[in-house]
C-alpha atoms as a PDB file:
ATOM      1  CA  UNK A   1      15.459  -6.886  21.325  1.00  0.00           C
ATOM      2  CA  UNK A   2      19.024  -5.817  20.573  1.00  0.00           C
ATOM      3  CA  UNK A   3      20.213  -9.403  21.089  1.00  0.00           C
ATOM      4  CA  UNK A   4      17.658 -10.531  18.495  1.00  0.00           C
ATOM      5  CA  UNK A   5      19.127  -8.065  15.986  1.00  0.00           C
ATOM      6  CA  UNK A   6      22.665  -9.251  16.791  1.00  0.00           C
ATOM      7  CA  UNK A   7      21.705 -12.864  16.144  1.00  0.00           C
ATOM      8  CA  UNK A   8      20.388 -11.855  12.732  1.00  0.00           C
ATOM      9  CA  UNK A   9      23.270  -9.521  11.862  1.00  0.00           C
ATOM     10  CA  UNK A  10      25.813 -12.312  12.370  1.00  0.00           C
ATOM     11  CA  UNK A  11      23.911 -15.039  10.520  1.00  0.00           C
ATOM     12  CA  UNK A  12      26.627 -15.467   7.893  1.00  0.00           C
ATOM     13  CA  UNK A  13      29.540 -15.730  10.333  1.00  0.00           C
ATOM     14  CA  UNK A  14      31.042 -19.061  11.277  1.00  0.00           C
ATOM     15  CA  UNK A  15      31.295 -19.916  14.971  1.00  0.00           C
ATOM     16  CA  UNK A  16      34.951 -18.982  15.439  1.00  0.00           C
ATOM     17  CA  UNK A  17      34.368 -15.515  13.945  1.00  0.00           C
ATOM     18  CA  UNK A  18      31.333 -14.589  16.038  1.00  0.00           C
ATOM     19  CA  UNK A  19      31.887 -11.916  18.702  1.00  0.00           C
ATOM     20  CA  UNK A  20      29.751 -13.991  21.131  1.00  0.00           C
ATOM     21  CA  UNK A  21      29.311 -17.661  21.985  1.00  0.00           C
ATOM     22  CA  UNK A  22      25.705 -17.631  23.221  1.00  0.00           C
ATOM     23  CA  UNK A  23      22.771 -15.243  23.614  1.00  0.00           C
ATOM     24  CA  UNK A  24      20.352 -14.237  26.349  1.00  0.00           C
ATOM     25  CA  UNK A  25      17.096 -12.638  25.219  1.00  0.00           C
ATOM     26  CA  UNK A  26      15.132 -11.744  28.305  1.00  0.00           C
ATOM     27  CA  UNK A  27      11.932  -9.762  27.953  1.00  0.00           C
ATOM     28  CA  UNK A  28      12.071  -9.113  24.303  1.00  0.00           C
ATOM     29  CA  UNK A  29      12.534 -10.020  20.695  1.00  0.00           C
ATOM     30  CA  UNK A  30      11.679  -7.883  17.724  1.00  0.00           C
ATOM     31  CA  UNK A  31      10.915 -10.338  14.971  1.00  0.00           C
ATOM     32  CA  UNK A  32       7.408 -11.665  15.575  1.00  0.00           C
ATOM     33  CA  UNK A  33       3.970 -10.411  16.478  1.00  0.00           C
ATOM     34  CA  UNK A  34       3.365  -6.801  17.414  1.00  0.00           C
ATOM     35  CA  UNK A  35       7.052  -6.243  18.102  1.00  0.00           C
ATOM     36  CA  UNK A  36       7.821  -7.141  14.508  1.00  0.00           C
ATOM     37  CA  UNK A  37       5.371  -4.572  13.134  1.00  0.00           C
ATOM     38  CA  UNK A  38       7.179  -1.354  13.985  1.00  0.00           C
ATOM     39  CA  UNK A  39       6.664   1.868  12.107  1.00  0.00           C
ATOM     40  CA  UNK A  40       9.765   3.709  10.991  1.00  0.00           C
ATOM     41  CA  UNK A  41      11.199   6.299  13.364  1.00  0.00           C
ATOM     42  CA  UNK A  42      10.486   8.965  10.748  1.00  0.00           C
ATOM     43  CA  UNK A  43       6.820   7.962  10.601  1.00  0.00           C
ATOM     44  CA  UNK A  44       6.629   7.822  14.399  1.00  0.00           C
ATOM     45  CA  UNK A  45       8.233  11.294  14.642  1.00  0.00           C
ATOM     46  CA  UNK A  46       5.863  12.773  12.040  1.00  0.00           C
ATOM     47  CA  UNK A  47       2.832  11.231  13.773  1.00  0.00           C
ATOM     48  CA  UNK A  48       3.940  12.573  17.144  1.00  0.00           C
ATOM     49  CA  UNK A  49       4.752  16.089  15.927  1.00  0.00           C
ATOM     50  CA  UNK A  50       1.378  16.275  14.168  1.00  0.00           C
ATOM     51  CA  UNK A  51      -0.407  14.924  17.254  1.00  0.00           C
ATOM     52  CA  UNK A  52       0.970  17.710  19.480  1.00  0.00           C
ATOM     53  CA  UNK A  53       0.617  20.428  16.841  1.00  0.00           C
ATOM     54  CA  UNK A  54       4.304  20.953  16.029  1.00  0.00           C
ATOM     55  CA  UNK A  55       4.815  21.424  12.294  1.00  0.00           C
ATOM     56  CA  UNK A  56       6.796  23.638   9.977  1.00  0.00           C
ATOM     57  CA  UNK A  57      10.351  24.896  10.195  1.00  0.00           C
ATOM     58  CA  UNK A  58      10.386  25.327  13.978  1.00  0.00           C
ATOM     59  CA  UNK A  59       9.306  21.763  14.764  1.00  0.00           C
ATOM     60  CA  UNK A  60      12.294  20.984  17.019  1.00  0.00           C
ATOM     61  CA  UNK A  61      11.873  24.180  19.006  1.00  0.00           C
ATOM     62  CA  UNK A  62       8.142  23.492  19.334  1.00  0.00           C
ATOM     63  CA  UNK A  63       8.724  19.893  20.465  1.00  0.00           C
ATOM     64  CA  UNK A  64      11.164  21.126  23.089  1.00  0.00           C
ATOM     65  CA  UNK A  65       8.339  23.126  24.656  1.00  0.00           C
ATOM     66  CA  UNK A  66       5.746  20.332  24.730  1.00  0.00           C
ATOM     67  CA  UNK A  67       5.171  18.965  28.244  1.00  0.00           C
ATOM     68  CA  UNK A  68       6.226  15.335  28.731  1.00  0.00           C
ATOM     69  CA  UNK A  69       2.688  14.304  29.698  1.00  0.00           C
ATOM     70  CA  UNK A  70       1.333  15.718  26.420  1.00  0.00           C
ATOM     71  CA  UNK A  71       3.932  13.715  24.496  1.00  0.00           C
ATOM     72  CA  UNK A  72       3.274  10.444  26.322  1.00  0.00           C
ATOM     73  CA  UNK A  73      -0.496  10.949  26.082  1.00  0.00           C
ATOM     74  CA  UNK A  74      -0.225  11.545  22.322  1.00  0.00           C
ATOM     75  CA  UNK A  75       1.954   8.448  21.932  1.00  0.00           C
ATOM     76  CA  UNK A  76      -0.558   6.334  23.866  1.00  0.00           C
ATOM     77  CA  UNK A  77      -3.579   7.690  21.981  1.00  0.00           C
ATOM     78  CA  UNK A  78      -2.020   7.112  18.549  1.00  0.00           C
ATOM     79  CA  UNK A  79      -0.045   3.947  19.332  1.00  0.00           C
ATOM     80  CA  UNK A  80       3.240   5.673  18.496  1.00  0.00           C
ATOM     81  CA  UNK A  81       6.312   3.621  19.343  1.00  0.00           C
ATOM     82  CA  UNK A  82       9.913   4.476  18.578  1.00  0.00           C
ATOM     83  CA  UNK A  83      12.380   1.729  17.847  1.00  0.00           C
ATOM     84  CA  UNK A  84      15.318   0.941  15.639  1.00  0.00           C
ATOM     85  CA  UNK A  85      14.841   1.498  11.922  1.00  0.00           C
ATOM     86  CA  UNK A  86      15.282  -1.314   9.430  1.00  0.00           C
ATOM     87  CA  UNK A  87      18.559  -0.782   7.602  1.00  0.00           C
ATOM     88  CA  UNK A  88      18.916  -4.398   6.372  1.00  0.00           C
ATOM     89  CA  UNK A  89      22.452  -4.452   7.744  1.00  0.00           C
ATOM     90  CA  UNK A  90      21.864  -4.690  11.478  1.00  0.00           C
ATOM     91  CA  UNK A  91      18.055  -4.434  11.673  1.00  0.00           C
ATOM     92  CA  UNK A  92      16.214  -6.411   9.029  1.00  0.00           C
ATOM     93  CA  UNK A  93      12.786  -5.681   7.578  1.00  0.00           C
ATOM     94  CA  UNK A  94      12.151  -9.406   7.126  1.00  0.00           C
ATOM     95  CA  UNK A  95      13.162 -10.402  10.666  1.00  0.00           C
ATOM     96  CA  UNK A  96      10.502 -13.098  11.091  1.00  0.00           C
ATOM     97  CA  UNK A  97      11.508 -14.713   7.790  1.00  0.00           C
ATOM     98  CA  UNK A  98      15.151 -14.700   8.851  1.00  0.00           C
ATOM     99  CA  UNK A  99      14.214 -16.809  11.894  1.00  0.00           C
ATOM    100  CA  UNK A 100      11.932 -19.044   9.813  1.00  0.00           C
ATOM    101  CA  UNK A 101      14.748 -19.886   7.419  1.00  0.00           C
ATOM    102  CA  UNK A 102      17.532 -20.128  10.002  1.00  0.00           C
ATOM    103  CA  UNK A 103      19.297 -16.909   8.970  1.00  0.00           C
ATOM    104  CA  UNK A 104      20.521 -16.241  12.484  1.00  0.00           C
ATOM    105  CA  UNK A 105      23.765 -16.932  14.330  1.00  0.00           C
ATOM    106  CA  UNK A 106      23.799 -20.586  15.406  1.00  0.00           C
ATOM    107  CA  UNK A 107      24.514 -20.231  19.124  1.00  0.00           C
ATOM    108  CA  UNK A 108      22.709 -21.495  22.238  1.00  0.00           C
ATOM    109  CA  UNK A 109      19.986 -19.119  23.397  1.00  0.00           C
ATOM    110  CA  UNK A 110      18.593 -18.555  26.879  1.00  0.00           C
ATOM    111  CA  UNK A 111      15.351 -16.639  26.695  1.00  0.00           C
ATOM    112  CA  UNK A 112      12.280 -15.937  28.712  1.00  0.00           C
ATOM    113  CA  UNK A 113      10.100 -13.460  30.462  1.00  0.00           C
ATOM    114  CA  UNK A 114       9.082 -12.392  33.903  1.00  0.00           C
ATOM    115  CA  UNK A 115       5.620 -13.326  35.122  1.00  0.00           C
ATOM    116  CA  UNK A 116       2.874 -11.045  33.838  1.00  0.00           C
ATOM    117  CA  UNK A 117       5.181  -9.135  31.504  1.00  0.00           C
ATOM    118  CA  UNK A 118       2.300  -8.549  29.110  1.00  0.00           C
ATOM    119  CA  UNK A 119       0.499  -6.524  31.780  1.00  0.00           C
ATOM    120  CA  UNK A 120       2.389  -3.342  30.909  1.00  0.00           C
ATOM    121  CA  UNK A 121       1.595  -3.738  27.215  1.00  0.00           C
ATOM    122  CA  UNK A 122      -2.157  -4.281  27.422  1.00  0.00           C
ATOM    123  CA  UNK A 123      -4.990  -1.801  27.767  1.00  0.00           C
ATOM    124  CA  UNK A 124      -6.755  -2.340  31.102  1.00  0.00           C
ATOM    125  CA  UNK A 125     -10.124  -1.701  29.417  1.00  0.00           C
ATOM    126  CA  UNK A 126      -9.651  -4.431  26.798  1.00  0.00           C
ATOM    127  CA  UNK A 127     -12.139  -7.285  26.987  1.00  0.00           C
ATOM    128  CA  UNK A 128     -11.273 -10.898  26.249  1.00  0.00           C
ATOM    129  CA  UNK A 129     -13.356 -11.179  23.076  1.00  0.00           C
ATOM    130  CA  UNK A 130     -11.759  -8.094  21.500  1.00  0.00           C
ATOM    131  CA  UNK A 131      -8.288  -9.354  22.414  1.00  0.00           C
ATOM    132  CA  UNK A 132      -8.949 -12.801  20.935  1.00  0.00           C
ATOM    133  CA  UNK A 133     -10.467 -11.359  17.762  1.00  0.00           C
ATOM    134  CA  UNK A 134      -7.406  -9.140  17.263  1.00  0.00           C
ATOM    135  CA  UNK A 135      -4.719 -11.699  18.077  1.00  0.00           C
ATOM    136  CA  UNK A 136      -6.335 -15.033  17.204  1.00  0.00           C
ATOM    137  CA  UNK A 137      -8.928 -14.206  14.528  1.00  0.00           C
ATOM    138  CA  UNK A 138     -11.245 -17.025  13.508  1.00  0.00           C
ATOM    139  CA  UNK A 139     -10.334 -16.309   9.879  1.00  0.00           C
ATOM    140  CA  UNK A 140      -6.811 -17.509  10.706  1.00  0.00           C
ATOM    141  CA  UNK A 141      -7.245 -20.158  13.408  1.00  0.00           C
ATOM    142  CA  UNK A 142     -10.109 -22.491  14.145  1.00  0.00           C
ATOM    143  CA  UNK A 143     -12.533 -21.940  17.012  1.00  0.00           C
ATOM    144  CA  UNK A 144     -11.272 -25.250  18.439  1.00  0.00           C
ATOM    145  CA  UNK A 145      -7.699 -23.904  18.535  1.00  0.00           C
ATOM    146  CA  UNK A 146      -8.921 -20.725  20.182  1.00  0.00           C
ATOM    147  CA  UNK A 147     -10.813 -22.764  22.794  1.00  0.00           C
ATOM    148  CA  UNK A 148      -7.667 -24.824  23.417  1.00  0.00           C
ATOM    149  CA  UNK A 149      -5.690 -21.630  24.034  1.00  0.00           C
ATOM    150  CA  UNK A 150      -8.335 -20.379  26.462  1.00  0.00           C
ATOM    151  CA  UNK A 151      -8.431 -23.712  28.283  1.00  0.00           C
ATOM    152  CA  UNK A 152      -4.776 -23.221  29.232  1.00  0.00           C
ATOM    153  CA  UNK A 153      -5.803 -20.056  31.111  1.00  0.00           C
ATOM    154  CA  UNK A 154      -8.802 -21.077  33.257  1.00  0.00           C
ATOM    155  CA  UNK A 155     -10.774 -18.024  34.357  1.00  0.00           C
ATOM    156  CA  UNK A 156     -10.956 -19.259  37.958  1.00  0.00           C
ATOM    157  CA  UNK A 157      -7.153 -18.849  38.121  1.00  0.00           C
ATOM    158  CA  UNK A 158      -7.291 -15.207  37.037  1.00  0.00           C
ATOM    159  CA  UNK A 159      -9.296 -12.479  38.809  1.00  0.00           C
ATOM    160  CA  UNK A 160     -10.248 -10.520  35.654  1.00  0.00           C
ATOM    161  CA  UNK A 161     -10.292 -10.718  31.857  1.00  0.00           C
ATOM    162  CA  UNK A 162      -7.341  -8.318  31.914  1.00  0.00           C
ATOM    163  CA  UNK A 163      -5.297 -10.859  33.889  1.00  0.00           C
ATOM    164  CA  UNK A 164      -6.181 -13.612  31.404  1.00  0.00           C
ATOM    165  CA  UNK A 165      -5.279 -11.320  28.484  1.00  0.00           C
ATOM    166  CA  UNK A 166      -1.967 -10.352  30.080  1.00  0.00           C
ATOM    167  CA  UNK A 167      -1.007 -13.982  30.709  1.00  0.00           C
ATOM    168  CA  UNK A 168      -1.882 -15.068  27.168  1.00  0.00           C
ATOM    169  CA  UNK A 169      -0.065 -12.092  25.676  1.00  0.00           C
ATOM    170  CA  UNK A 170       3.058 -12.722  27.775  1.00  0.00           C
ATOM    171  CA  UNK A 171       3.270 -16.322  26.606  1.00  0.00           C
ATOM    172  CA  UNK A 172       2.318 -15.518  23.009  1.00  0.00           C
ATOM    173  CA  UNK A 173       4.925 -12.774  22.543  1.00  0.00           C
ATOM    174  CA  UNK A 174       7.828 -14.332  24.460  1.00  0.00           C
ATOM    175  CA  UNK A 175       7.562 -18.043  25.131  1.00  0.00           C
ATOM    176  CA  UNK A 176       5.737 -19.203  21.994  1.00  0.00           C
ATOM    177  CA  UNK A 177       8.178 -17.259  19.823  1.00  0.00           C
ATOM    178  CA  UNK A 178      11.104 -18.935  21.575  1.00  0.00           C
ATOM    179  CA  UNK A 179       9.592 -22.379  21.063  1.00  0.00           C
ATOM    180  CA  UNK A 180       9.001 -21.591  17.371  1.00  0.00           C
ATOM    181  CA  UNK A 181      12.599 -20.389  16.964  1.00  0.00           C
ATOM    182  CA  UNK A 182      13.875 -23.639  18.462  1.00  0.00           C
ATOM    183  CA  UNK A 183      11.807 -25.821  16.141  1.00  0.00           C
ATOM    184  CA  UNK A 184      12.573 -23.872  12.961  1.00  0.00           C
ATOM    185  CA  UNK A 185      16.305 -23.299  13.438  1.00  0.00           C
ATOM    186  CA  UNK A 186      17.383 -26.277  15.498  1.00  0.00           C
ATOM    187  CA  UNK A 187      19.204 -23.873  17.805  1.00  0.00           C
ATOM    188  CA  UNK A 188      19.203 -24.939  21.444  1.00  0.00           C
ATOM    189  CA  UNK A 189      16.759 -22.637  23.224  1.00  0.00           C
ATOM    190  CA  UNK A 190      16.316 -22.743  27.001  1.00  0.00           C
ATOM    191  CA  UNK A 191      13.123 -21.148  28.283  1.00  0.00           C
ATOM    192  CA  UNK A 192      12.623 -19.645  31.708  1.00  0.00           C
ATOM    193  CA  UNK A 193       9.782 -17.820  33.397  1.00  0.00           C
END
């Protein structure tokens, strides 16, 4: 994710002034999909403090006394994620658009994911229909496109819906984004898995 931000921060530099000659983005980017829809750290902090009942002037002292499990449970229940804040200097609020229009450093990129990376990011109780409706809604893509996506992940190759979901999510968040970046920017992107 930090490499993604570096590629965007140095978009205006010419090759001989870049502090790097290539980039490796393994297991992360922060411009597209769910990773591109981060709440601000202030919002995440406020949501978390409210979730564990720490408000008022003594919020820091209160938070220091909250057990770790209570914090992680509250974060999971409310989908609270901390990440870098958009400052439009090093972290841009329009990150996906910057990739779409080639506003990134023009260097070769090696990117990829480990097998089943999406497993850690998916709810084990999620069913396939709910996942597809959330990520590939029929209002946005055709049912034929959705069927084509599913055909690439035959259910006989995966023991459960969760395994199918994890595989689709892994490819959708990491590999598809890399392919899109290559097409839109013309930057050489090597994919590995």
